[in-house]
Amino acid sequence: MTFSICATVDGRHGVAVATKAIAVGSTAPFVCRSGAVCTQAMTSTPLGVRTIRALEAGEPIDAAVERLLADDPHAAVRQIHGVDADGGTVAVTGDECVETAGERVGPDYTVAGNMLVGEDVLGAMADRFETTVGQSLDERLLATLEAGANAGGDKRGEYPQSAALAVFDPAEPHLAHDLRVDEHDDAVAELARVHDLASTVGSEWAAEYPRADLQRHPE
């Protein structure tokens, strides 16, 4: 089971994802200055990396994913979705992904999941993202992930074991934008706890060392 969201807002691009497998943050979500993408079901880290490279080279995300899947012998069991900096979106669910599997596409965001208890999970996630306008992108992504978990998530009734939140934000790079829970009984709840802590630590760091983040993350 995996459910996730990719979104772009005001030059910031991000992914939030939760799954029953361990260490999802190391394999599935990818962000860069040009967009965000998530690969799941039969996860392919190379597919995520190649998509991000294509975005950085100026290729629209829908064209990049279509091209890459055309050469993928396992495309039927892939699920990949994402957004680019120009407002483009893509969401593809292979014919052999475990049901319930599907996606939702809205203005500047995509939601996708597989092995879900039902379509309501995707609907709840899309609704939550659309009703959190005005909050920061990392807060909106996390709220959307929580909505998916609260709507039932895994069709087997199991909690996500790992979760991750990644945001490319050139204006405010700090700890709350790259978080991972690699193994936990309730990974989404743990990710929310870590996000709260990282947000505080990140703010304190920026206040004490106002130029440090810019040195580590140049424009």
Protein backbone atom coordinates (compact mmCIF):
# COMPACT_ATOMS: atom_id res chain seq x y z
CA MET A 1 0.00 0.00 0.00
CA THR A 2 1.19 3.49 -0.88
CA PHE A 3 -0.52 6.87 -1.10
CA SER A 4 1.09 10.18 -1.95
CA ILE A 5 0.70 13.73 -3.20
CA CYS A 6 2.87 15.92 -5.45
CA ALA A 7 2.23 19.66 -5.70
CA THR A 8 3.66 22.96 -6.86
CA VAL A 9 2.80 26.32 -5.29
CA ASP A 10 4.49 29.67 -5.96
CA GLY A 11 7.77 28.20 -7.13
CA ARG A 12 7.89 25.50 -4.46
CA HIS A 13 7.54 21.83 -5.39
CA GLY A 14 6.94 18.97 -2.99
CA VAL A 15 6.01 15.35 -2.32
CA ALA A 16 4.51 13.60 0.70
CA VAL A 17 4.24 9.80 0.66
CA ALA A 18 3.36 6.96 3.04
CA THR A 19 3.63 3.22 2.54
CA LYS A 20 3.69 -0.14 4.31
CA ALA A 21 7.27 -0.77 3.16
CA ILE A 22 10.26 0.65 5.03
CA ALA A 23 12.40 3.67 4.08
CA VAL A 24 10.12 5.10 1.37
CA GLY A 25 11.89 8.47 1.54
CA SER A 26 15.04 6.94 0.03
CA THR A 27 13.33 5.45 -3.03
CA ALA A 28 10.08 7.16 -4.06
CA PRO A 29 9.89 11.00 -3.76
CA PHE A 30 12.00 13.37 -5.85
CA VAL A 31 12.03 17.18 -5.94
CA CYS A 32 14.08 19.80 -7.75
CA ARG A 33 13.86 23.40 -8.95
CA SER A 34 11.75 22.24 -11.92
CA GLY A 35 9.14 20.04 -10.24
CA ALA A 36 8.32 17.00 -8.13
CA VAL A 37 7.58 13.34 -8.84
CA CYS A 38 6.77 10.18 -6.90
CA THR A 39 7.26 6.59 -8.08
CA GLN A 40 5.36 3.78 -6.33
CA ALA A 41 3.54 0.41 -6.68
CA MET A 42 6.61 -1.40 -8.10
CA THR A 43 8.83 1.52 -7.18
CA SER A 44 11.61 2.46 -9.59
CA THR A 45 14.14 4.88 -8.17
CA PRO A 46 15.87 5.19 -11.58
CA LEU A 47 12.53 6.23 -13.08
CA GLY A 48 12.23 9.01 -10.50
CA VAL A 49 15.81 10.17 -11.05
CA ARG A 50 15.44 10.19 -14.84
CA THR A 51 12.18 12.12 -14.63
CA ILE A 52 13.78 14.80 -12.46
CA ARG A 53 16.73 15.04 -14.85
CA ALA A 54 14.33 15.46 -17.75
CA LEU A 55 12.51 18.26 -15.92
CA GLU A 56 15.80 20.01 -15.21
CA ALA A 57 16.58 19.79 -18.93
CA GLY A 58 13.31 21.55 -19.73
CA GLU A 59 11.12 18.60 -20.79
CA PRO A 60 7.45 18.78 -19.67
CA ILE A 61 6.64 16.16 -17.04
CA ASP A 62 3.92 14.43 -19.07
CA ALA A 63 6.22 14.00 -22.06
CA ALA A 64 9.09 12.81 -19.89
CA VAL A 65 7.03 10.16 -18.09
CA GLU A 66 5.41 8.94 -21.31
CA ARG A 67 8.84 8.57 -22.93
CA LEU A 68 10.38 6.78 -19.96
CA LEU A 69 7.48 4.36 -19.45
CA ALA A 70 7.53 3.46 -23.14
CA ASP A 71 10.96 1.90 -22.57
CA ASP A 72 10.06 0.28 -19.24
CA PRO A 73 9.28 -3.46 -19.44
CA HIS A 74 7.52 -3.22 -16.05
CA ALA A 75 5.30 -0.25 -16.87
CA ALA A 76 2.13 -2.25 -16.11
CA VAL A 77 3.07 -2.44 -12.41
CA ARG A 78 4.34 1.12 -12.06
CA GLN A 79 2.51 4.08 -10.59
CA ILE A 80 4.09 7.48 -11.15
CA HIS A 81 2.75 10.99 -10.80
CA GLY A 82 3.99 14.54 -10.43
CA VAL A 83 4.04 18.20 -11.37
CA ASP A 84 6.40 20.57 -13.14
CA ALA A 85 7.24 24.24 -12.67
CA ASP A 86 5.09 25.27 -15.65
CA GLY A 87 1.92 23.81 -14.14
CA GLY A 88 2.08 20.53 -16.04
CA THR A 89 0.88 17.35 -14.36
CA VAL A 90 1.02 13.62 -14.97
CA ALA A 91 -0.51 10.63 -13.19
CA VAL A 92 -0.16 7.09 -14.51
CA THR A 93 -1.39 3.89 -12.87
CA GLY A 94 -0.34 0.66 -14.57
CA ASP A 95 -3.00 -1.88 -15.45
CA GLU A 96 -1.51 -4.47 -13.09
CA CYS A 97 -1.19 -2.30 -9.97
CA VAL A 98 -2.95 -3.81 -6.94
CA GLU A 99 -6.49 -2.49 -6.46
CA THR A 100 -7.80 -0.18 -5.32
CA ALA A 101 -5.33 1.83 -7.39
CA GLY A 102 -5.87 5.20 -9.03
CA GLU A 103 -5.13 8.89 -9.07
CA ARG A 104 -6.61 12.38 -8.87
CA VAL A 105 -5.35 15.42 -10.76
CA GLY A 106 -6.18 18.99 -9.77
CA PRO A 107 -4.79 22.48 -10.29
CA ASP A 108 -1.04 22.17 -9.60
CA TYR A 109 -1.27 18.86 -7.75
CA THR A 110 -1.61 15.11 -8.23
CA VAL A 111 -2.63 12.38 -5.79
CA ALA A 112 -2.11 8.64 -6.30
CA GLY A 113 -2.38 5.41 -4.36
CA ASN A 114 -2.52 1.63 -4.64
CA MET A 115 -3.71 -1.27 -2.48
CA LEU A 116 -6.14 1.19 -0.88
CA VAL A 117 -9.30 0.44 1.06
CA GLY A 118 -11.22 2.39 -1.59
CA GLU A 119 -11.47 5.45 -3.83
CA ASP A 120 -12.48 7.54 -0.80
CA VAL A 121 -8.83 7.69 0.25
CA LEU A 122 -7.87 9.59 -2.91
CA GLY A 123 -10.92 11.82 -2.66
CA ALA A 124 -10.17 12.72 0.95
CA MET A 125 -6.60 13.60 0.06
CA ALA A 126 -7.59 15.81 -2.87
CA ASP A 127 -10.24 17.57 -0.78
CA ARG A 128 -7.79 18.25 2.04
CA PHE A 129 -5.18 19.76 -0.25
CA GLU A 130 -7.73 22.03 -1.91
CA THR A 131 -9.08 23.25 1.45
CA THR A 132 -5.71 24.15 2.97
CA VAL A 133 -4.92 27.09 0.68
CA GLY A 134 -3.03 29.73 2.63
CA GLN A 135 -0.88 27.31 4.62
CA SER A 136 2.73 26.57 3.71
CA LEU A 137 3.30 23.86 1.12
CA ASP A 138 4.90 21.47 3.63
CA GLU A 139 1.92 21.89 5.96
CA ARG A 140 -0.54 21.27 3.12
CA LEU A 141 1.29 18.15 1.97
CA LEU A 142 1.42 16.73 5.49
CA ALA A 143 -2.28 17.48 6.06
CA THR A 144 -3.10 15.70 2.81
CA LEU A 145 -1.12 12.64 3.89
CA GLU A 146 -2.94 12.61 7.23
CA ALA A 147 -6.27 12.76 5.38
CA GLY A 148 -5.32 9.66 3.41
CA ALA A 149 -4.43 7.76 6.57
CA ASN A 150 -7.61 8.88 8.33
CA ALA A 151 -9.72 7.78 5.35
CA GLY A 152 -8.58 4.19 5.77
CA GLY A 153 -5.35 3.93 3.77
CA ASP A 154 -4.34 0.28 3.39
CA LYS A 155 -7.10 -2.14 2.37
CA ARG A 156 -5.57 -4.70 4.76
CA GLY A 157 -6.21 -2.35 7.68
CA GLU A 158 -2.53 -1.82 8.37
CA TYR A 159 -0.87 1.50 9.21
CA PRO A 160 1.87 2.99 7.00
CA GLN A 161 5.29 1.82 8.16
CA SER A 162 7.32 4.62 6.58
CA ALA A 163 6.58 8.14 5.36
CA ALA A 164 8.45 11.09 3.89
CA LEU A 165 8.04 14.79 3.13
CA ALA A 166 10.29 16.58 0.64
CA VAL A 167 9.94 20.16 -0.61
CA PHE A 168 12.14 22.24 -2.90
CA ASP A 169 11.78 25.77 -1.57
CA PRO A 170 14.51 28.15 -2.83
CA ALA A 171 13.40 30.94 -0.50
CA GLU A 172 13.28 29.01 2.79
CA PRO A 173 15.46 25.89 2.82
CA HIS A 174 15.33 24.37 6.31
CA LEU A 175 14.93 21.10 8.18
CA ALA A 176 11.16 20.83 7.83
CA HIS A 177 11.49 20.34 4.06
CA ASP A 178 13.27 16.97 3.94
CA LEU A 179 11.91 14.56 6.53
CA ARG A 180 11.80 10.77 6.67
CA VAL A 181 10.32 8.18 9.01
CA ASP A 182 11.89 4.90 7.96
CA GLU A 183 10.10 2.41 10.25
CA HIS A 184 7.32 3.08 12.74
CA ASP A 185 4.01 1.61 13.86
CA ASP A 186 2.20 4.77 12.67
CA ALA A 187 4.57 6.53 10.30
CA VAL A 188 2.23 9.37 9.28
CA ALA A 189 1.63 10.42 12.88
CA GLU A 190 5.36 10.19 13.56
CA LEU A 191 6.12 12.29 10.47
CA ALA A 192 3.75 14.97 11.80
CA ARG A 193 5.57 14.95 15.15
CA VAL A 194 8.98 15.21 13.51
CA HIS A 195 7.71 18.00 11.23
CA ASP A 196 6.57 20.02 14.23
CA LEU A 197 9.98 19.59 15.85
CA ALA A 198 11.92 20.32 12.66
CA SER A 199 9.87 23.45 12.02
CA THR A 200 10.84 24.77 15.45
CA VAL A 201 14.49 23.81 15.13
CA GLY A 202 14.63 25.22 11.60
CA SER A 203 13.18 28.56 12.70
CA GLU A 204 15.62 28.80 15.60
CA TRP A 205 18.54 27.97 13.30
CA ALA A 206 17.52 30.62 10.77
CA ALA A 207 17.12 33.23 13.49
CA GLU A 208 20.56 32.54 14.98
CA TYR A 209 22.39 31.98 11.69
CA PRO A 210 20.45 33.97 9.07
CA ARG A 211 22.95 33.37 6.25
CA ALA A 212 23.79 29.73 6.94
CA ASP A 213 21.00 28.18 4.87
CA LEU A 214 21.84 30.37 1.89
CA GLN A 215 25.45 29.20 2.06
CA ARG A 216 24.37 25.54 2.07
CA HIS A 217 21.60 26.01 -0.49
CA PRO A 218 22.69 28.77 -2.94
CA GLU A 219 20.10 30.33 -5.25
